[in-house]
Amino acid sequence: MKHATLVGFLTGELSPEVLVDEISTEVNACEASFQAGENGYIIITDGRPVKVTREGARRLLAAIAHERLPFQPANYVAASIIMNDDFDLADDAVRDAINFVADDSRSPCTMQRSRH
């Protein structure tokens, strides 16, 4: 993943759909490796230091909640943020949100909206 792509998504310059289009090949390759019992690799280019704010974390969570960003790409994005030294998490709330999305130990679930 290009550093600029991830930053563009977190700042709102790129939509979740554009993000998915740009990273789908590498997300699929990572998942295929994992499913084959191999190591899947998350690769992100270097870039300028970026603080991941509550707004960026909110954007990530909203994209998932509104079903604009599927589980696998969201998980890949969150892991990229955690594993890259160019990203600094603004506070504990941001850290919790990013870690929640990066946690792939649980099965992805779909969200159902109430009609009330």
Protein backbone atom coordinates (compact mmCIF):
# COMPACT_ATOMS: atom_id res chain seq x y z
CA MET A 1 0.00 0.00 0.00
CA LYS A 2 1.19 3.46 -0.74
CA HIS A 3 1.64 5.66 2.30
CA ALA A 4 -0.13 8.48 0.44
CA THR A 5 -3.14 6.24 -0.23
CA LEU A 6 -3.59 5.47 3.45
CA VAL A 7 -3.10 9.10 4.44
CA GLY A 8 -5.59 10.15 1.77
CA PHE A 9 -8.20 7.82 3.22
CA LEU A 10 -7.59 8.89 6.82
CA THR A 11 -7.87 12.57 5.91
CA GLY A 12 -10.96 12.10 3.75
CA GLU A 13 -9.29 12.85 0.42
CA LEU A 14 -9.93 9.25 -0.76
CA SER A 15 -13.22 7.46 -0.38
CA PRO A 16 -13.38 3.97 1.10
CA GLU A 17 -14.26 2.65 -2.35
CA VAL A 18 -11.14 4.16 -3.93
CA LEU A 19 -9.05 2.78 -1.06
CA VAL A 20 -10.45 -0.72 -1.64
CA ASP A 21 -9.78 -0.46 -5.39
CA GLU A 22 -6.18 0.55 -4.76
CA ILE A 23 -5.34 -2.13 -2.18
CA SER A 24 -7.53 -5.08 -3.18
CA THR A 25 -4.76 -6.97 -5.01
CA GLU A 26 -2.38 -6.88 -2.06
CA VAL A 27 -5.14 -7.62 0.47
CA ASN A 28 -6.21 -10.64 -1.58
CA ALA A 29 -2.61 -11.86 -1.88
CA CYS A 30 -2.08 -11.50 1.86
CA GLU A 31 -5.30 -13.37 2.63
CA ALA A 32 -4.50 -16.12 0.10
CA SER A 33 -1.09 -16.66 1.72
CA PHE A 34 -2.67 -16.82 5.15
CA GLN A 35 -5.34 -19.28 3.98
CA ALA A 36 -2.62 -21.48 2.44
CA GLY A 37 -0.91 -21.70 5.83
CA GLU A 38 1.85 -19.32 4.85
CA ASN A 39 2.78 -15.91 6.17
CA GLY A 40 0.78 -13.06 4.73
CA TYR A 41 2.70 -9.82 4.41
CA ILE A 42 1.45 -6.30 4.85
CA ILE A 43 3.58 -3.86 2.91
CA ILE A 44 3.33 -0.08 3.10
CA THR A 45 5.71 2.44 1.60
CA ASP A 46 7.52 4.95 3.79
CA GLY A 47 6.31 8.50 4.02
CA ARG A 48 6.16 11.54 6.19
CA PRO A 49 5.16 11.16 9.85
CA VAL A 50 1.39 11.33 10.30
CA LYS A 51 -0.70 11.60 13.44
CA VAL A 52 -3.80 9.42 13.22
CA THR A 53 -6.49 11.55 14.80
CA ARG A 54 -9.88 10.67 16.21
CA GLU A 55 -11.37 11.91 12.94
CA GLY A 56 -9.23 9.44 10.97
CA ALA A 57 -10.19 6.60 13.30
CA ARG A 58 -13.83 7.69 13.09
CA ARG A 59 -13.60 7.64 9.29
CA LEU A 60 -12.28 4.07 9.39
CA LEU A 61 -15.00 2.89 11.77
CA ALA A 62 -17.75 4.69 9.83
CA ALA A 63 -16.61 3.12 6.55
CA ILE A 64 -16.92 -0.30 8.17
CA ALA A 65 -20.26 0.46 9.83
CA HIS A 66 -21.75 1.81 6.60
CA GLU A 67 -20.45 -1.25 4.70
CA ARG A 68 -18.22 0.82 2.45
CA LEU A 69 -15.06 -0.94 3.65
CA PRO A 70 -15.17 -4.74 3.99
CA PHE A 71 -13.53 -6.53 6.91
CA GLN A 72 -10.36 -7.75 5.15
CA PRO A 73 -9.31 -4.38 3.69
CA ALA A 74 -10.20 -2.63 6.97
CA ASN A 75 -8.13 -5.14 8.90
CA TYR A 76 -5.24 -4.67 6.46
CA VAL A 77 -5.45 -0.87 6.83
CA ALA A 78 -5.47 -1.03 10.62
CA ALA A 79 -2.53 -3.44 10.69
CA SER A 80 -0.64 -1.14 8.31
CA ILE A 81 -1.15 1.77 10.69
CA ILE A 82 0.05 -0.25 13.68
CA MET A 83 3.09 -1.75 11.94
CA ASN A 84 4.42 1.40 10.29
CA ASP A 85 6.54 3.79 12.31
CA ASP A 86 5.33 6.73 10.20
CA PHE A 87 1.94 6.64 11.94
CA ASP A 88 1.50 7.99 15.46
CA LEU A 89 -1.82 7.40 17.21
CA ALA A 90 -3.19 10.60 18.77
CA ASP A 91 -4.50 9.09 22.00
CA ASP A 92 -5.78 5.96 23.71
CA ALA A 93 -9.21 6.18 22.05
CA VAL A 94 -7.58 6.14 18.60
CA ARG A 95 -5.29 3.30 19.66
CA ASP A 96 -8.28 1.28 20.90
CA ALA A 97 -10.22 1.86 17.67
CA ILE A 98 -7.31 0.90 15.41
CA ASN A 99 -6.46 -2.15 17.51
CA PHE A 100 -10.12 -3.23 17.45
CA VAL A 101 -10.13 -3.16 13.64
CA ALA A 102 -6.73 -4.85 13.43
CA ASP A 103 -7.85 -7.72 15.68
CA ASP A 104 -8.45 -10.62 13.31
CA SER A 105 -8.87 -13.19 16.08
CA ARG A 106 -12.64 -12.87 15.86
CA SER A 107 -14.83 -13.70 12.92
CA PRO A 108 -15.97 -10.72 10.91
CA CYS A 109 -19.63 -10.04 11.42
CA THR A 110 -22.14 -8.11 9.46
CA MET A 111 -24.02 -5.30 10.98
CA GLN A 112 -27.77 -5.23 10.72
CA ARG A 113 -29.58 -1.94 10.96
CA SER A 114 -32.67 -1.61 13.04
CA ARG A 115 -35.73 -0.35 11.23
CA HIS A 116 -37.15 1.41 14.33
